[in-house]
């Protein structure tokens, strides 16, 4: 089972949109399951997604739960910044107004990372490939200095919109994992048939 990140680096093997949809759907269903159990992954990224083929179609499994944590209550104390900068939500560095220093809901942090994983699906490369100082990415995203633009001509419009929705700067503007599953289900035909 290769890591999704390794498949991205292999420019010889491009993924069909059917495979991309399956990967996005499988990751999101796993995230929905975790969130329903009040578990947050906290390090969702292409390195932590394992790919496998079933009936000639690529599927995905979420792996590496080393940073995952039970979420007890509405907010989670984040005394330690965790995750990978290219996928890290800006609030992990900047905090969230109204929750106090180091405390905010963590499920939206996973959704932001999911959106950045979708960016990798669309572009075929890790987010922000041109950025040398990866430690600065979350704060630059939060301040508006940096945003990973997507060319909406390279992907189905509904998937483009969903990816941007997941990457909203404000936590409250991001969908839940369940909402993402529903949106993906509703767009399957458009995504699979995209040329």
Protein backbone atom coordinates (compact mmCIF):
# COMPACT_ATOMS: atom_id res chain seq x y z
CA UNK A 1 0.00 0.00 0.00
CA UNK A 2 1.80 3.10 -1.15
CA UNK A 3 1.34 6.38 0.63
CA UNK A 4 -0.68 8.93 -1.29
CA UNK A 5 2.38 11.24 -1.15
CA UNK A 6 4.46 8.67 -3.08
CA UNK A 7 1.81 8.44 -5.79
CA UNK A 8 1.92 12.25 -6.12
CA UNK A 9 5.68 12.13 -6.66
CA UNK A 10 5.33 9.45 -9.36
CA UNK A 11 4.55 11.68 -12.35
CA UNK A 12 4.21 8.60 -14.58
CA UNK A 13 1.08 7.45 -12.78
CA UNK A 14 -1.74 9.96 -12.89
CA UNK A 15 -4.96 9.25 -11.06
CA UNK A 16 -8.30 9.17 -12.87
CA UNK A 17 -11.06 11.38 -11.52
CA UNK A 18 -12.88 8.22 -10.46
CA UNK A 19 -9.88 7.31 -8.29
CA UNK A 20 -9.62 10.89 -7.01
CA UNK A 21 -13.27 10.85 -6.01
CA UNK A 22 -12.84 7.47 -4.27
CA UNK A 23 -9.79 8.75 -2.39
CA UNK A 24 -11.59 11.93 -1.29
CA UNK A 25 -14.69 9.97 -0.29
CA UNK A 26 -12.80 7.26 1.62
CA UNK A 27 -10.73 9.81 3.57
CA UNK A 28 -13.83 11.83 4.43
CA UNK A 29 -15.84 8.79 5.55
CA UNK A 30 -12.94 7.84 7.84
CA UNK A 31 -12.83 11.38 9.24
CA UNK A 32 -16.61 11.37 9.77
CA UNK A 33 -16.27 8.09 11.71
CA UNK A 34 -13.47 9.50 13.88
CA UNK A 35 -15.35 12.73 14.58
CA UNK A 36 -18.52 10.80 15.48
CA UNK A 37 -16.41 8.97 18.09
CA UNK A 38 -15.07 12.38 19.27
CA UNK A 39 -11.57 11.60 17.97
CA UNK A 40 -9.58 14.19 16.02
CA UNK A 41 -6.73 13.04 13.79
CA UNK A 42 -4.65 16.26 14.04
CA UNK A 43 -2.19 15.28 11.28
CA UNK A 44 -4.18 14.46 8.16
CA UNK A 45 -1.94 14.76 5.09
CA UNK A 46 -0.98 12.77 2.00
CA UNK A 47 1.76 10.92 3.92
CA UNK A 48 -0.93 9.53 6.23
CA UNK A 49 -3.21 8.22 3.51
CA UNK A 50 -2.59 4.69 2.23
CA UNK A 51 -3.84 3.77 -1.24
CA UNK A 52 -4.90 0.36 -2.49
CA UNK A 53 -6.69 -1.03 -5.54
CA UNK A 54 -9.97 -2.90 -5.43
CA UNK A 55 -11.56 -3.98 -8.72
CA UNK A 56 -9.07 -1.77 -10.62
CA UNK A 57 -10.18 1.33 -8.71
CA UNK A 58 -7.96 3.16 -6.24
CA UNK A 59 -9.25 3.54 -2.67
CA UNK A 60 -7.78 5.09 0.48
CA UNK A 61 -7.34 4.39 4.18
CA UNK A 62 -6.35 6.96 6.78
CA UNK A 63 -3.29 5.97 8.83
CA UNK A 64 -0.90 7.24 11.51
CA UNK A 65 -3.00 8.09 14.51
CA UNK A 66 0.05 9.03 16.60
CA UNK A 67 -1.19 12.60 17.09
CA UNK A 68 -4.90 11.78 17.28
CA UNK A 69 -6.75 12.68 20.44
CA UNK A 70 -10.13 12.26 22.07
CA UNK A 71 -11.99 15.54 22.07
CA UNK A 72 -13.72 16.05 25.38
CA UNK A 73 -16.32 18.76 25.17
CA UNK A 74 -16.68 21.60 22.72
CA UNK A 75 -13.16 22.91 22.85
CA UNK A 76 -9.82 21.22 22.98
CA UNK A 77 -6.79 22.60 24.74
CA UNK A 78 -3.92 22.93 22.32
CA UNK A 79 -0.97 23.72 24.48
CA UNK A 80 1.20 22.14 21.82
CA UNK A 81 1.03 22.89 18.10
CA UNK A 82 0.76 19.61 16.23
CA UNK A 83 0.45 18.66 12.60
CA UNK A 84 2.29 19.35 9.38
CA UNK A 85 2.66 22.97 8.29
CA UNK A 86 1.54 22.50 4.68
CA UNK A 87 -1.77 21.09 5.96
CA UNK A 88 -2.09 22.99 9.24
CA UNK A 89 -5.08 25.23 9.83
CA UNK A 90 -4.12 28.85 10.53
CA UNK A 91 -5.75 28.78 13.97
CA UNK A 92 -3.15 26.27 15.12
CA UNK A 93 -0.72 29.18 15.08
CA UNK A 94 -2.99 32.20 15.40
CA UNK A 95 -5.64 30.93 17.82
CA UNK A 96 -9.38 31.59 17.52
CA UNK A 97 -11.12 34.73 18.78
CA UNK A 98 -13.61 33.95 21.54
CA UNK A 99 -12.04 30.72 22.76
CA UNK A 100 -9.08 32.03 24.69
CA UNK A 101 -5.44 31.27 24.18
CA UNK A 102 -4.80 27.70 23.09
CA UNK A 103 -8.43 26.54 23.17
CA UNK A 104 -10.76 26.00 20.22
CA UNK A 105 -12.76 23.25 18.48
CA UNK A 106 -10.41 20.74 16.84
CA UNK A 107 -12.68 18.99 14.33
CA UNK A 108 -12.51 22.01 11.97
CA UNK A 109 -8.70 21.67 12.07
CA UNK A 110 -9.09 18.21 10.53
CA UNK A 111 -11.47 19.63 7.91
CA UNK A 112 -8.91 22.27 6.91
CA UNK A 113 -6.30 19.51 6.48
CA UNK A 114 -8.84 17.55 4.44
CA UNK A 115 -9.22 20.56 2.14
CA UNK A 116 -5.45 20.76 1.71
CA UNK A 117 -5.42 17.03 0.93
CA UNK A 118 -8.03 17.73 -1.76
CA UNK A 119 -5.68 20.43 -3.11
CA UNK A 120 -3.01 17.74 -3.51
CA UNK A 121 -5.54 15.55 -5.35
CA UNK A 122 -6.28 18.35 -7.82
CA UNK A 123 -2.75 19.69 -8.36
CA UNK A 124 -0.84 16.42 -8.15
CA UNK A 125 1.67 17.92 -5.71
CA UNK A 126 2.00 18.84 -2.06
CA UNK A 127 0.43 22.20 -1.08
CA UNK A 128 2.57 25.33 -1.40
CA UNK A 129 5.41 23.64 -3.34
CA UNK A 130 7.17 26.97 -3.94
CA UNK A 131 7.32 27.93 -0.24
CA UNK A 132 10.79 27.43 1.23
CA UNK A 133 9.98 28.28 4.86
CA UNK A 134 7.17 25.79 5.54
CA UNK A 135 6.97 26.83 9.22
CA UNK A 136 5.57 30.19 8.09
CA UNK A 137 2.70 28.73 6.04
CA UNK A 138 -0.09 28.63 8.70
CA UNK A 139 0.47 32.19 9.91
CA UNK A 140 0.77 33.53 6.34
CA UNK A 141 -2.45 31.76 5.37
CA UNK A 142 -4.21 33.20 8.43
CA UNK A 143 -3.03 36.73 7.67
CA UNK A 144 -4.06 36.49 4.02
CA UNK A 145 -0.49 36.65 2.69
CA UNK A 146 -0.62 33.13 1.27
CA UNK A 147 -3.36 31.09 -0.37
CA UNK A 148 -3.04 27.99 -2.53
CA UNK A 149 -4.94 28.98 -5.66
CA UNK A 150 -6.67 26.25 -7.63
CA UNK A 151 -7.38 26.46 -11.33
CA UNK A 152 -11.08 25.65 -11.49
CA UNK A 153 -10.58 24.41 -15.07
CA UNK A 154 -8.42 21.55 -13.70
CA UNK A 155 -11.20 20.01 -11.64
CA UNK A 156 -14.99 19.65 -11.50
CA UNK A 157 -16.60 22.89 -10.32
CA UNK A 158 -18.42 21.32 -7.35
CA UNK A 159 -15.19 19.69 -6.15
CA UNK A 160 -13.42 23.05 -6.57
CA UNK A 161 -16.07 24.75 -4.40
CA UNK A 162 -15.98 22.01 -1.76
CA UNK A 163 -12.18 22.15 -1.54
CA UNK A 164 -12.30 25.90 -0.94
CA UNK A 165 -15.14 25.50 1.58
CA UNK A 166 -13.01 23.07 3.62
CA UNK A 167 -10.11 25.55 3.56
CA UNK A 168 -12.09 28.51 4.87
CA UNK A 169 -9.97 30.70 7.15
CA UNK A 170 -12.66 30.89 9.85
CA UNK A 171 -13.48 27.60 11.57
CA UNK A 172 -17.20 28.29 11.63
CA UNK A 173 -17.21 28.63 7.84
CA UNK A 174 -15.93 25.07 7.30
CA UNK A 175 -18.31 22.14 6.79
CA UNK A 176 -18.43 19.11 9.07
CA UNK A 177 -17.09 15.76 7.87
CA UNK A 178 -20.68 14.55 7.50
CA UNK A 179 -21.53 17.52 5.29
CA UNK A 180 -18.46 16.84 3.14
CA UNK A 181 -19.52 13.18 2.74
CA UNK A 182 -22.98 14.33 1.62
CA UNK A 183 -21.56 16.86 -0.85
CA UNK A 184 -19.14 14.30 -2.29
CA UNK A 185 -21.98 11.78 -2.68
CA UNK A 186 -24.03 14.34 -4.58
CA UNK A 187 -21.24 15.21 -7.01
CA UNK A 188 -19.90 11.73 -7.79
CA UNK A 189 -21.18 11.60 -11.36
CA UNK A 190 -19.84 15.08 -12.21
CA UNK A 191 -16.43 14.26 -10.73
CA UNK A 192 -16.07 10.80 -12.27
CA UNK A 193 -17.05 12.08 -15.74
CA UNK A 194 -14.77 15.15 -15.62
CA UNK A 195 -12.30 15.42 -18.50
